[in-house]
């Protein structure tokens, strides 16, 4: 299992992987046409071009041999809430469902954690739906701890899924 950094030259492939991996896993989290709006907002051509040209935003393909089985998006610039810290954020990690639970996510995250440590980051944080007990347990096994509650404020996302746990991992 490996990671391959996505560049602007991978735009079309990245867009397909992002849309497919997310849709196959989370299509049922949306009402109305929320899924289509979210996919355009997060993985539309203009958004991905902007992200791929941002030095603080990094996409990685998760690979099994030569096959792409998911992706990770990392932000390496401090957010407003953690601005006093040299931190990084796991923005997204999505695997195609047939590869979930097989250790690929753990291996990918372990590599990303090591990479962030090498970049001198001190705190790695993420947000996870508070009712997603499997994901919370996954992050806890990697060493992340509960930090605080927040709310996902996105139109047409199911109300009962908007509660989020912010989790942090001390890297130093």
Protein backbone atom coordinates (compact mmCIF):
# COMPACT_ATOMS: atom_id res chain seq x y z
CA UNK A 1 0.00 0.00 0.00
CA UNK A 2 1.35 3.40 -0.90
CA UNK A 3 0.53 7.05 -1.20
CA UNK A 4 1.01 9.10 -4.34
CA UNK A 5 0.85 12.90 -4.14
CA UNK A 6 -1.70 14.32 -6.55
CA UNK A 7 -0.68 17.27 -8.72
CA UNK A 8 -2.54 19.47 -11.16
CA UNK A 9 -1.66 16.92 -13.84
CA UNK A 10 -3.85 14.40 -11.98
CA UNK A 11 -6.91 16.69 -11.92
CA UNK A 12 -9.28 14.47 -13.89
CA UNK A 13 -8.24 11.26 -12.11
CA UNK A 14 -8.42 12.95 -8.71
CA UNK A 15 -11.87 14.35 -9.44
CA UNK A 16 -13.17 10.92 -10.44
CA UNK A 17 -11.70 9.21 -7.36
CA UNK A 18 -12.99 11.89 -4.99
CA UNK A 19 -16.52 11.83 -6.39
CA UNK A 20 -16.74 8.04 -6.63
CA UNK A 21 -15.22 7.25 -3.22
CA UNK A 22 -17.33 9.85 -1.44
CA UNK A 23 -20.57 8.99 -3.26
CA UNK A 24 -20.23 5.26 -2.73
CA UNK A 25 -19.84 5.78 1.01
CA UNK A 26 -21.93 8.82 1.95
CA UNK A 27 -24.70 9.33 -0.61
CA UNK A 28 -27.29 8.44 2.05
CA UNK A 29 -26.20 11.33 4.30
CA UNK A 30 -27.95 13.89 2.08
CA UNK A 31 -31.47 15.10 1.40
CA UNK A 32 -32.84 16.75 -1.74
CA UNK A 33 -30.02 17.46 -4.21
CA UNK A 34 -27.49 18.01 -1.43
CA UNK A 35 -25.09 15.33 -2.65
CA UNK A 36 -24.78 16.91 -6.10
CA UNK A 37 -24.25 20.36 -4.59
CA UNK A 38 -21.61 19.05 -2.18
CA UNK A 39 -19.75 17.14 -4.88
CA UNK A 40 -19.55 20.27 -7.01
CA UNK A 41 -18.54 22.44 -4.06
CA UNK A 42 -15.80 20.08 -2.81
CA UNK A 43 -14.68 18.26 -5.97
CA UNK A 44 -15.67 20.51 -8.85
CA UNK A 45 -12.96 21.40 -11.34
CA UNK A 46 -12.47 24.95 -10.04
CA UNK A 47 -12.25 23.83 -6.41
CA UNK A 48 -9.75 21.06 -7.13
CA UNK A 49 -7.62 23.35 -9.32
CA UNK A 50 -7.55 25.89 -6.52
CA UNK A 51 -6.69 23.24 -3.91
CA UNK A 52 -3.97 21.67 -6.05
CA UNK A 53 -2.38 25.08 -6.58
CA UNK A 54 -2.46 25.88 -2.84
CA UNK A 55 0.87 25.10 -1.15
CA UNK A 56 -0.97 24.32 2.10
CA UNK A 57 -3.39 21.78 0.62
CA UNK A 58 -2.26 18.27 -0.27
CA UNK A 59 -4.13 15.40 -1.91
CA UNK A 60 -2.76 11.88 -1.93
CA UNK A 61 -4.04 8.87 -3.83
CA UNK A 62 -4.19 5.75 -1.68
CA UNK A 63 -2.79 2.95 -3.84
CA UNK A 64 -2.94 -0.83 -3.65
CA UNK A 65 -0.29 -1.88 -6.13
CA UNK A 66 -1.13 0.26 -9.20
CA UNK A 67 -4.83 0.60 -8.32
CA UNK A 68 -6.19 3.76 -6.69
CA UNK A 69 -8.44 2.71 -3.83
CA UNK A 70 -9.12 6.09 -2.18
CA UNK A 71 -7.70 9.48 -1.34
CA UNK A 72 -6.62 11.73 1.51
CA UNK A 73 -6.75 15.53 1.72
CA UNK A 74 -4.50 17.29 4.24
CA UNK A 75 -4.36 21.00 5.07
CA UNK A 76 -1.02 22.08 6.51
CA UNK A 77 -1.88 25.69 7.36
CA UNK A 78 -3.23 26.59 10.76
CA UNK A 79 -6.94 27.12 11.08
CA UNK A 80 -8.37 30.13 12.89
CA UNK A 81 -9.35 28.08 15.96
CA UNK A 82 -5.87 26.59 16.32
CA UNK A 83 -3.94 29.55 14.94
CA UNK A 84 -1.50 29.61 17.87
CA UNK A 85 -0.36 26.08 17.02
CA UNK A 86 1.71 24.77 14.14
CA UNK A 87 -0.94 22.29 13.20
CA UNK A 88 -2.35 20.34 10.31
CA UNK A 89 -5.77 18.95 9.52
CA UNK A 90 -7.08 15.76 8.03
CA UNK A 91 -9.73 17.28 5.80
CA UNK A 92 -10.83 14.07 4.08
CA UNK A 93 -10.01 10.39 3.86
CA UNK A 94 -12.23 8.16 1.75
CA UNK A 95 -11.66 4.62 0.57
CA UNK A 96 -13.82 2.74 -1.86
CA UNK A 97 -16.16 0.65 0.34
CA UNK A 98 -14.73 -2.71 -0.78
CA UNK A 99 -11.37 -1.69 0.74
CA UNK A 100 -12.70 -0.46 4.10
CA UNK A 101 -11.78 -2.48 7.15
CA UNK A 102 -8.78 -4.13 5.49
CA UNK A 103 -6.04 -1.99 7.04
CA UNK A 104 -5.47 0.35 4.09
CA UNK A 105 -6.82 3.39 5.94
CA UNK A 106 -4.64 2.67 8.97
CA UNK A 107 -1.53 2.26 6.82
CA UNK A 108 -2.30 5.45 4.88
CA UNK A 109 -2.92 7.45 8.05
CA UNK A 110 0.23 6.12 9.70
CA UNK A 111 2.23 7.34 6.69
CA UNK A 112 0.50 10.74 6.74
CA UNK A 113 1.11 11.13 10.48
CA UNK A 114 4.82 10.40 9.95
CA UNK A 115 4.93 12.90 7.07
CA UNK A 116 3.34 15.62 9.22
CA UNK A 117 5.83 14.90 12.01
CA UNK A 118 8.67 15.26 9.49
CA UNK A 119 7.20 18.63 8.45
CA UNK A 120 7.49 19.75 12.08
CA UNK A 121 3.75 19.94 12.77
CA UNK A 122 2.80 19.72 16.44
CA UNK A 123 -0.95 19.01 16.36
CA UNK A 124 -2.95 16.97 13.85
CA UNK A 125 -6.68 17.45 14.05
CA UNK A 126 -9.80 16.25 12.29
CA UNK A 127 -13.57 16.31 12.57
CA UNK A 128 -15.71 13.19 12.49
CA UNK A 129 -19.47 12.70 12.66
CA UNK A 130 -20.19 12.09 16.35
CA UNK A 131 -22.48 9.13 15.65
CA UNK A 132 -19.87 7.36 13.46
CA UNK A 133 -18.57 5.08 16.21
CA UNK A 134 -16.43 2.99 13.81
CA UNK A 135 -14.57 6.06 12.52
CA UNK A 136 -14.12 7.45 16.04
CA UNK A 137 -12.67 4.12 17.20
CA UNK A 138 -10.40 4.06 14.12
CA UNK A 139 -8.96 7.48 14.96
CA UNK A 140 -8.61 6.59 18.65
CA UNK A 141 -6.55 3.52 17.70
CA UNK A 142 -4.23 5.90 15.83
CA UNK A 143 -3.83 7.99 19.00
CA UNK A 144 -6.33 10.80 18.35
CA UNK A 145 -8.23 12.06 21.37
CA UNK A 146 -11.51 13.91 21.72
CA UNK A 147 -11.02 17.68 21.80
CA UNK A 148 -14.39 19.38 21.39
CA UNK A 149 -17.79 19.38 19.73
CA UNK A 150 -18.70 21.31 16.61
CA UNK A 151 -21.55 21.33 14.11
CA UNK A 152 -21.36 20.68 10.39
CA UNK A 153 -23.34 23.52 8.86
CA UNK A 154 -24.03 22.33 5.31
CA UNK A 155 -27.32 22.69 3.48
CA UNK A 156 -29.19 19.41 2.84
CA UNK A 157 -26.94 17.34 5.11
CA UNK A 158 -29.17 15.20 7.34
CA UNK A 159 -29.79 16.98 10.64
CA UNK A 160 -29.07 13.93 12.80
CA UNK A 161 -25.57 13.67 11.27
CA UNK A 162 -24.45 17.28 11.75
CA UNK A 163 -22.91 16.74 15.19
CA UNK A 164 -19.13 16.50 14.91
CA UNK A 165 -16.33 15.53 17.25
CA UNK A 166 -13.08 17.40 16.80
CA UNK A 167 -10.19 15.07 17.57
CA UNK A 168 -6.49 15.89 17.98
CA UNK A 169 -3.22 14.01 17.93
CA UNK A 170 -0.11 15.54 19.50
CA UNK A 171 2.74 14.94 17.07
CA UNK A 172 5.74 16.13 19.08
